[in-house]
Amino acid sequence: MPDYNPNIFQRTNMKLASTGPIAKIFSYTFHHLDRTVLSLSNDRYSAISLLSGLPLVTLTATGAKSGQPREVPLIGTPVDDEVILIASNWGGKKHPAWYYNLKATPACTLTHDGKTDPYIGREVFGDEKESYWQKAVAIYPGYEAYKSRTDGREIPVFVLKPDN
């Protein structure tokens, strides 16, 4: 995973993205932009990673209902050889689709820096969840703002380990 060192422009964008109105707009638009930028950059960059400096991964998980591969760019917080994924859904009231996919089939792949590797995901709870949550919030403080907008929905935390 790349080093995380956002510049002032990227830090400003992160603050904007954590506000309710901007997060709503981004939730409807950025996945379209991300796919284009990812494709043009051989999966090295996304619109969000360029604008925010956040470490981005592309999760490919098996669809819980369809059984088909589903790709989604996400913020992936690196911790040693693990990657933390936060199912914040931009602070929405429902879990994101990838949450259900990863719950149904924990075997997945992550693509970052143009390289794809197999991982196994698991949802964490209790003190372990809190520990990983704090590590993710240290990278992207906007998660705390998202937490306040979920209408009481508990935001799930996943840890992915390499499947070697």
Protein backbone atom coordinates (compact mmCIF):
# COMPACT_ATOMS: atom_id res chain seq x y z
CA MET A 1 0.00 0.00 0.00
CA PRO A 2 1.26 3.50 -0.75
CA ASP A 3 2.37 5.91 1.93
CA TYR A 4 -0.36 8.22 3.14
CA ASN A 5 0.70 11.86 3.11
CA PRO A 6 -2.06 14.18 1.80
CA ASN A 7 -1.22 17.74 0.80
CA ILE A 8 -3.25 20.78 1.89
CA PHE A 9 -5.53 20.58 -1.17
CA GLN A 10 -6.27 16.92 -0.42
CA ARG A 11 -6.87 17.58 3.31
CA THR A 12 -9.34 20.34 2.39
CA ASN A 13 -11.18 17.98 0.05
CA MET A 14 -11.39 15.35 2.81
CA LYS A 15 -13.04 17.88 5.12
CA LEU A 16 -15.54 18.82 2.43
CA ALA A 17 -16.30 15.16 1.66
CA SER A 18 -17.25 14.53 5.29
CA THR A 19 -20.01 17.18 5.25
CA GLY A 20 -23.56 15.95 4.67
CA PRO A 21 -24.41 17.75 1.40
CA ILE A 22 -21.05 17.08 -0.28
CA ALA A 23 -21.00 13.42 0.84
CA LYS A 24 -24.45 13.00 -0.71
CA ILE A 25 -23.29 14.42 -4.04
CA PHE A 26 -20.08 12.37 -3.98
CA SER A 27 -21.97 9.17 -3.16
CA TYR A 28 -23.90 9.50 -6.42
CA THR A 29 -21.07 10.67 -8.66
CA PHE A 30 -17.64 9.51 -7.56
CA HIS A 31 -18.05 5.80 -8.30
CA HIS A 32 -18.59 6.72 -11.96
CA LEU A 33 -15.54 8.97 -12.01
CA ASP A 34 -13.47 6.43 -10.07
CA ARG A 35 -14.08 3.67 -12.60
CA THR A 36 -12.91 5.91 -15.44
CA VAL A 37 -9.80 7.16 -13.67
CA LEU A 38 -8.96 3.63 -12.44
CA SER A 39 -9.24 2.30 -15.97
CA LEU A 40 -7.09 5.08 -17.45
CA SER A 41 -4.41 4.64 -14.77
CA ASN A 42 -4.20 0.82 -14.78
CA ASP A 43 -5.84 0.67 -11.33
CA ARG A 44 -3.23 2.95 -9.76
CA TYR A 45 -5.38 6.04 -9.08
CA SER A 46 -8.99 7.02 -8.65
CA ALA A 47 -10.72 10.38 -8.60
CA ILE A 48 -11.03 10.11 -4.82
CA SER A 49 -7.41 9.13 -4.26
CA LEU A 50 -6.17 12.01 -6.44
CA LEU A 51 -8.45 14.58 -4.80
CA SER A 52 -8.06 13.35 -1.21
CA GLY A 53 -4.76 11.51 -1.07
CA LEU A 54 -6.55 8.66 0.69
CA PRO A 55 -5.28 5.11 0.13
CA LEU A 56 -7.66 3.51 -2.30
CA VAL A 57 -8.22 -0.15 -3.13
CA THR A 58 -10.61 -1.82 -5.52
CA LEU A 59 -12.49 -4.60 -3.76
CA THR A 60 -13.71 -7.43 -5.98
CA ALA A 61 -16.20 -9.58 -4.10
CA THR A 62 -18.74 -12.15 -5.21
CA GLY A 63 -22.26 -10.75 -5.38
CA ALA A 64 -24.37 -12.16 -2.54
CA LYS A 65 -27.39 -12.62 -4.79
CA SER A 66 -25.94 -12.75 -8.30
CA GLY A 67 -22.83 -14.82 -7.66
CA GLN A 68 -21.04 -12.52 -10.13
CA PRO A 69 -17.85 -10.54 -9.39
CA ARG A 70 -18.59 -7.02 -8.15
CA GLU A 71 -15.93 -4.29 -8.08
CA VAL A 72 -16.01 -1.18 -5.93
CA PRO A 73 -13.28 1.36 -5.13
CA LEU A 74 -12.96 1.95 -1.38
CA ILE A 75 -10.69 3.63 1.09
CA GLY A 76 -8.42 0.85 2.32
CA THR A 77 -6.57 1.62 5.53
CA PRO A 78 -3.33 -0.37 5.61
CA VAL A 79 -2.18 -1.89 8.91
CA ASP A 80 0.87 -4.10 8.46
CA ASP A 81 -0.25 -6.73 5.94
CA GLU A 82 -3.97 -6.19 6.67
CA VAL A 83 -6.38 -3.73 5.11
CA ILE A 84 -9.27 -2.14 7.01
CA LEU A 85 -12.52 -1.45 5.14
CA ILE A 86 -15.22 0.71 6.72
CA ALA A 87 -18.80 0.08 5.53
CA SER A 88 -19.80 3.71 6.07
CA ASN A 89 -21.70 4.16 2.80
CA TRP A 90 -20.91 7.89 3.03
CA GLY A 91 -22.92 8.03 6.28
CA GLY A 92 -26.03 6.56 4.67
CA LYS A 93 -28.80 4.83 6.56
CA LYS A 94 -28.16 1.45 4.87
CA HIS A 95 -25.11 -0.76 4.59
CA PRO A 96 -23.32 -0.60 1.22
CA ALA A 97 -23.87 -3.53 -1.17
CA TRP A 98 -20.26 -4.69 -0.81
CA TYR A 99 -20.91 -5.32 2.90
CA TYR A 100 -23.46 -8.04 2.08
CA ASN A 101 -21.22 -9.48 -0.64
CA LEU A 102 -18.23 -9.78 1.69
CA LYS A 103 -20.39 -11.21 4.50
CA ALA A 104 -21.73 -13.90 2.15
CA THR A 105 -18.34 -14.74 0.59
CA PRO A 106 -15.29 -13.53 2.55
CA ALA A 107 -12.82 -14.58 -0.18
CA CYS A 108 -12.11 -11.54 -2.35
CA THR A 109 -9.37 -9.66 -4.15
CA LEU A 110 -7.95 -6.21 -3.60
CA THR A 111 -6.30 -4.21 -6.32
CA HIS A 112 -3.94 -1.42 -5.36
CA ASP A 113 -0.96 0.14 -7.11
CA GLY A 114 -1.89 -1.85 -10.22
CA LYS A 115 -1.48 -5.19 -8.42
CA THR A 116 -4.28 -7.63 -7.51
CA ASP A 117 -3.98 -10.04 -4.57
CA PRO A 118 -6.36 -12.51 -2.87
CA TYR A 119 -7.65 -11.65 0.60
CA ILE A 120 -10.04 -13.07 3.18
CA GLY A 121 -12.33 -10.59 4.94
CA ARG A 122 -13.95 -10.78 8.32
CA GLU A 123 -16.13 -8.37 10.22
CA VAL A 124 -14.72 -7.35 13.59
CA PHE A 125 -16.61 -6.50 16.77
CA GLY A 126 -16.13 -5.10 20.26
CA ASP A 127 -12.69 -3.89 21.34
CA GLU A 128 -11.11 -5.22 18.17
CA LYS A 129 -13.57 -3.19 16.07
CA GLU A 130 -12.86 -0.07 18.11
CA SER A 131 -9.11 -0.51 17.66
CA TYR A 132 -9.43 -0.84 13.88
CA TRP A 133 -11.99 1.99 13.75
CA GLN A 134 -9.53 4.34 15.44
CA LYS A 135 -6.80 3.39 12.95
CA ALA A 136 -9.14 4.14 10.05
CA VAL A 137 -10.29 7.43 11.58
CA ALA A 138 -6.64 8.46 11.95
CA ILE A 139 -6.36 8.19 8.13
CA TYR A 140 -9.79 9.65 7.35
CA PRO A 141 -11.48 11.63 10.17
CA GLY A 142 -14.61 11.94 8.00
CA TYR A 143 -15.73 8.52 9.24
CA GLU A 144 -16.68 10.14 12.55
CA ALA A 145 -18.91 12.62 10.71
CA TYR A 146 -20.47 9.76 8.75
CA LYS A 147 -21.19 7.96 12.03
CA SER A 148 -23.36 10.87 13.17
CA ARG A 149 -25.55 10.71 10.02
CA THR A 150 -26.41 6.98 9.91
CA ASP A 151 -29.66 7.39 11.85
CA GLY A 152 -28.41 4.87 14.41
CA ARG A 153 -27.01 2.34 11.94
CA GLU A 154 -23.88 0.71 13.32
CA ILE A 155 -21.06 1.09 10.81
CA PRO A 156 -19.42 -2.29 10.19
CA VAL A 157 -15.65 -2.68 10.11
CA PHE A 158 -13.91 -5.38 8.06
CA VAL A 159 -10.33 -6.55 8.26
CA LEU A 160 -8.88 -8.23 5.20
CA LYS A 161 -5.84 -10.50 5.46
CA PRO A 162 -3.82 -11.80 2.54
CA ASP A 163 -4.94 -15.26 1.45
CA ASN A 164 -1.54 -16.83 0.88
